[in-house]
Amino acid sequence: MGHALAATVGGFILARIVLGLREAGNLPAGMKAIAAWFPVEERGQATGCPL
């Protein structure tokens, strides 16, 4: 949403930087949540399912 609201190139670059910083913690946190919520047999499907 920040990308859509950016009115200048600098604003767009700032939105990209913030996205990159926030997105970096998503993968480890997501894997930990899947490991906590799903049994071993279903973790592969839970990791690959975009829903």
N, C-alpha and C. Protein backbone atom coordinates (compact mmCIF):
# COMPACT_ATOMS: atom_id res chain seq x y z
N MET A 1 0.83 -1.18 0.00
CA MET A 1 0.00 0.00 0.00
C MET A 1 0.87 1.25 0.00
N GLY A 2 2.02 1.14 0.66
CA GLY A 2 2.93 2.28 0.67
C GLY A 2 3.44 2.62 -0.72
N HIS A 3 3.59 1.59 -1.55
CA HIS A 3 4.05 1.83 -2.92
C HIS A 3 3.01 2.63 -3.70
N ALA A 4 1.77 2.32 -3.50
CA ALA A 4 0.71 3.02 -4.22
C ALA A 4 0.58 4.47 -3.75
N LEU A 5 0.89 4.72 -2.50
CA LEU A 5 0.77 6.09 -1.96
C LEU A 5 1.99 6.95 -2.20
N ALA A 6 3.07 6.37 -2.67
CA ALA A 6 4.30 7.13 -2.91
C ALA A 6 4.10 8.11 -4.06
N ALA A 7 4.42 9.37 -3.80
CA ALA A 7 4.24 10.40 -4.82
C ALA A 7 5.55 10.73 -5.53
N THR A 8 6.68 10.33 -4.94
CA THR A 8 7.98 10.63 -5.52
C THR A 8 8.82 9.36 -5.60
N VAL A 9 9.93 9.45 -6.29
CA VAL A 9 10.83 8.31 -6.38
C VAL A 9 11.41 8.00 -5.00
N GLY A 10 11.72 9.04 -4.24
CA GLY A 10 12.24 8.84 -2.88
C GLY A 10 11.24 8.13 -1.99
N GLY A 11 9.97 8.48 -2.12
CA GLY A 11 8.92 7.81 -1.35
C GLY A 11 8.78 6.35 -1.73
N PHE A 12 8.93 6.07 -3.02
CA PHE A 12 8.87 4.69 -3.48
C PHE A 12 10.06 3.89 -2.95
N ILE A 13 11.24 4.48 -2.97
CA ILE A 13 12.43 3.80 -2.46
C ILE A 13 12.28 3.54 -0.97
N LEU A 14 11.75 4.50 -0.23
CA LEU A 14 11.52 4.31 1.20
C LEU A 14 10.52 3.18 1.44
N ALA A 15 9.48 3.11 0.65
CA ALA A 15 8.49 2.03 0.79
C ALA A 15 9.14 0.67 0.51
N ARG A 16 10.05 0.60 -0.48
CA ARG A 16 10.75 -0.64 -0.78
C ARG A 16 11.66 -1.06 0.37
N ILE A 17 12.34 -0.09 0.97
CA ILE A 17 13.23 -0.39 2.09
C ILE A 17 12.44 -0.93 3.27
N VAL A 18 11.34 -0.27 3.60
CA VAL A 18 10.50 -0.72 4.72
C VAL A 18 9.95 -2.11 4.44
N LEU A 19 9.51 -2.35 3.23
CA LEU A 19 9.00 -3.68 2.87
C LEU A 19 10.09 -4.74 3.04
N GLY A 20 11.28 -4.44 2.58
CA GLY A 20 12.38 -5.39 2.69
C GLY A 20 12.74 -5.69 4.14
N LEU A 21 12.74 -4.69 4.98
CA LEU A 21 13.07 -4.89 6.39
C LEU A 21 11.99 -5.69 7.11
N ARG A 22 10.75 -5.42 6.83
CA ARG A 22 9.65 -6.12 7.50
C ARG A 22 9.48 -7.54 6.98
N GLU A 23 9.75 -7.75 5.71
CA GLU A 23 9.56 -9.05 5.11
C GLU A 23 10.63 -10.06 5.56
N ALA A 24 11.78 -9.56 5.97
CA ALA A 24 12.89 -10.44 6.34
C ALA A 24 12.55 -11.35 7.52
N GLY A 25 11.76 -10.89 8.46
CA GLY A 25 11.40 -11.70 9.62
C GLY A 25 10.23 -12.62 9.39
N ASN A 26 9.59 -12.52 8.25
CA ASN A 26 8.40 -13.30 7.99
C ASN A 26 8.69 -14.79 7.81
N LEU A 27 9.76 -15.14 7.12
CA LEU A 27 10.05 -16.55 6.84
C LEU A 27 10.35 -17.33 8.12
N PRO A 28 11.27 -16.89 8.97
CA PRO A 28 11.52 -17.67 10.19
C PRO A 28 10.29 -17.74 11.11
N ALA A 29 9.55 -16.66 11.19
CA ALA A 29 8.36 -16.66 12.05
C ALA A 29 7.29 -17.60 11.49
N GLY A 30 7.15 -17.62 10.16
CA GLY A 30 6.18 -18.51 9.54
C GLY A 30 6.54 -19.97 9.71
N MET A 31 7.81 -20.29 9.58
CA MET A 31 8.25 -21.67 9.76
C MET A 31 8.06 -22.13 11.21
N LYS A 32 8.31 -21.25 12.15
CA LYS A 32 8.11 -21.59 13.56
C LYS A 32 6.62 -21.82 13.85
N ALA A 33 5.77 -21.00 13.28
CA ALA A 33 4.33 -21.17 13.48
C ALA A 33 3.85 -22.48 12.87
N ILE A 34 4.33 -22.81 11.69
CA ILE A 34 3.93 -24.07 11.05
C ILE A 34 4.43 -25.25 11.88
N ALA A 35 5.65 -25.17 12.39
CA ALA A 35 6.19 -26.26 13.21
C ALA A 35 5.39 -26.43 14.50
N ALA A 36 4.86 -25.33 15.02
CA ALA A 36 4.10 -25.41 16.27
C ALA A 36 2.67 -25.91 16.05
N TRP A 37 2.08 -25.59 14.90
CA TRP A 37 0.66 -25.87 14.70
C TRP A 37 0.37 -27.15 13.92
N PHE A 38 1.31 -27.61 13.10
CA PHE A 38 1.03 -28.74 12.23
C PHE A 38 1.86 -29.94 12.63
N PRO A 39 1.29 -31.15 12.52
CA PRO A 39 2.10 -32.36 12.75
C PRO A 39 3.13 -32.53 11.63
N VAL A 40 4.13 -33.35 11.89
CA VAL A 40 5.24 -33.52 10.95
C VAL A 40 4.75 -33.94 9.57
N GLU A 41 3.75 -34.79 9.50
CA GLU A 41 3.26 -35.31 8.21
C GLU A 41 2.62 -34.23 7.35
N GLU A 42 2.11 -33.15 7.94
CA GLU A 42 1.37 -32.13 7.20
C GLU A 42 2.17 -30.83 7.00
N ARG A 43 3.38 -30.77 7.50
CA ARG A 43 4.15 -29.52 7.43
C ARG A 43 4.53 -29.14 6.00
N GLY A 44 4.83 -30.10 5.17
CA GLY A 44 5.18 -29.81 3.78
C GLY A 44 4.02 -29.17 3.04
N GLN A 45 2.84 -29.71 3.24
CA GLN A 45 1.66 -29.15 2.58
C GLN A 45 1.33 -27.77 3.15
N ALA A 46 1.47 -27.60 4.45
CA ALA A 46 1.18 -26.30 5.06
C ALA A 46 2.18 -25.24 4.59
N THR A 47 3.41 -25.63 4.37
CA THR A 47 4.43 -24.69 3.92
C THR A 47 4.18 -24.29 2.46
N GLY A 48 3.75 -25.21 1.64
CA GLY A 48 3.57 -24.95 0.22
C GLY A 48 2.23 -24.36 -0.14
N CYS A 49 1.25 -24.43 0.74
CA CYS A 49 -0.10 -23.96 0.44
C CYS A 49 -0.19 -22.44 0.62
N PRO A 50 -0.56 -21.69 -0.41
CA PRO A 50 -0.63 -20.24 -0.27
C PRO A 50 -1.88 -19.74 0.45
N LEU A 51 -2.75 -20.61 0.87
CA LEU A 51 -3.96 -20.15 1.53
C LEU A 51 -3.61 -19.81 2.93
